[in-house]
Amino acid sequence: MKKMGELMKDMGFNPNSSTSVQEAFIKHLIKAAHGVDVMTPSEKKSIQNNPQKIISLKSLANQNQQMAFDFEGAFEFNFSDENATDANKKTGS
């Protein structure tokens, strides 16, 4: 079995490219071969350094939002939050 470095060399990958490009290439190969998403070392490090930026899927599921489309004009975002102002409801901010 070949190592990742050998595979990348065989495919003509530039060994002097940035770490993020190398990680993205390997991540793509894994997803193409196995159909799964993996986290790169830099993604794991970023999450460890900034845990406050992680969004809980449960909290997103609890936000009731209804989108309404006016095909003659712009779309409208209706929030169930009573604290949102009318301007925020129309712009989605």
Protein backbone atom coordinates (compact mmCIF):
# COMPACT_ATOMS: atom_id res chain seq x y z
CA MET A 1 0.00 0.00 0.00
CA LYS A 2 1.30 3.45 -0.92
CA LYS A 3 1.59 6.33 1.49
CA MET A 4 -0.32 9.55 0.83
CA GLY A 5 2.89 11.37 -0.09
CA GLU A 6 3.65 8.76 -2.76
CA LEU A 7 0.11 8.96 -4.15
CA MET A 8 0.28 12.73 -4.32
CA LYS A 9 3.66 12.56 -6.08
CA ASP A 10 2.32 10.00 -8.60
CA MET A 11 -0.63 12.30 -9.36
CA GLY A 12 1.68 15.26 -9.99
CA PHE A 13 0.70 17.19 -6.88
CA ASN A 14 3.03 20.08 -6.02
CA PRO A 15 4.89 19.13 -2.79
CA ASN A 16 5.59 22.82 -2.13
CA SER A 17 1.91 23.76 -1.97
CA SER A 18 0.38 25.11 1.22
CA THR A 19 -0.72 22.76 3.99
CA SER A 20 -4.36 23.74 3.51
CA VAL A 21 -4.23 22.81 -0.19
CA GLN A 22 -2.64 19.47 0.65
CA GLU A 23 -5.29 18.79 3.30
CA ALA A 24 -8.10 19.73 0.91
CA PHE A 25 -6.70 17.38 -1.75
CA ILE A 26 -6.48 14.45 0.67
CA LYS A 27 -9.93 15.24 2.05
CA HIS A 28 -11.31 15.18 -1.51
CA LEU A 29 -9.62 11.83 -2.25
CA ILE A 30 -11.10 10.27 0.90
CA LYS A 31 -14.58 11.58 0.10
CA ALA A 32 -14.35 10.40 -3.52
CA ALA A 33 -13.15 6.94 -2.50
CA HIS A 34 -15.32 6.31 0.55
CA GLY A 35 -18.13 8.88 0.38
CA VAL A 36 -17.43 10.23 3.87
CA ASP A 37 -16.43 13.65 5.13
CA VAL A 38 -13.38 13.85 7.35
CA MET A 39 -11.87 16.66 9.40
CA THR A 40 -8.40 17.82 8.54
CA PRO A 41 -5.86 18.51 11.30
CA SER A 42 -6.20 22.27 10.75
CA GLU A 43 -10.01 22.04 11.01
CA LYS A 44 -9.72 20.13 14.28
CA LYS A 45 -7.24 22.70 15.60
CA SER A 46 -9.54 25.55 14.60
CA ILE A 47 -12.46 23.96 16.46
CA GLN A 48 -10.34 23.36 19.55
CA ASN A 49 -9.16 26.98 19.53
CA ASN A 50 -12.64 28.45 18.91
CA PRO A 51 -15.27 26.19 20.56
CA GLN A 52 -17.64 29.17 20.92
CA LYS A 53 -18.08 29.23 17.12
CA ILE A 54 -19.64 25.75 17.02
CA ILE A 55 -23.34 25.91 16.18
CA SER A 56 -25.56 23.34 17.83
CA LEU A 57 -27.85 21.59 15.37
CA LYS A 58 -30.45 21.27 18.13
CA SER A 59 -30.55 25.05 18.58
CA LEU A 60 -30.96 25.50 14.82
CA ALA A 61 -33.83 23.00 14.79
CA ASN A 62 -35.59 24.94 17.56
CA GLN A 63 -35.62 28.17 15.56
CA ASN A 64 -38.95 28.41 13.80
CA GLN A 65 -38.53 30.30 10.57
CA GLN A 66 -40.96 30.54 7.70
CA MET A 67 -39.90 31.85 4.33
CA ALA A 68 -42.50 33.42 2.08
CA PHE A 69 -41.81 34.24 -1.55
CA ASP A 70 -43.39 37.01 -3.51
CA PHE A 71 -42.44 36.16 -7.08
CA GLU A 72 -43.23 39.69 -8.17
CA GLY A 73 -40.83 41.17 -5.61
CA ALA A 74 -38.28 40.12 -3.00
CA PHE A 75 -38.51 37.27 -0.51
CA GLU A 76 -39.56 37.80 3.08
CA PHE A 77 -38.25 36.08 6.21
CA ASN A 78 -40.83 35.67 9.00
CA PHE A 79 -39.32 34.92 12.41
CA SER A 80 -41.35 33.49 15.26
CA ASP A 81 -39.31 35.57 17.72
CA GLU A 82 -41.59 38.24 19.21
CA ASN A 83 -38.56 40.38 20.05
CA ALA A 84 -37.59 40.84 16.41
CA THR A 85 -38.44 44.21 14.94
CA ASP A 86 -40.50 44.62 11.79
CA ALA A 87 -37.39 45.75 9.90
CA ASN A 88 -35.52 42.60 10.97
CA LYS A 89 -38.44 40.41 9.93
CA LYS A 90 -38.39 41.81 6.41
CA THR A 91 -34.63 41.77 5.90
CA GLY A 92 -33.84 38.58 7.78
CA SER A 93 -31.23 40.27 9.98
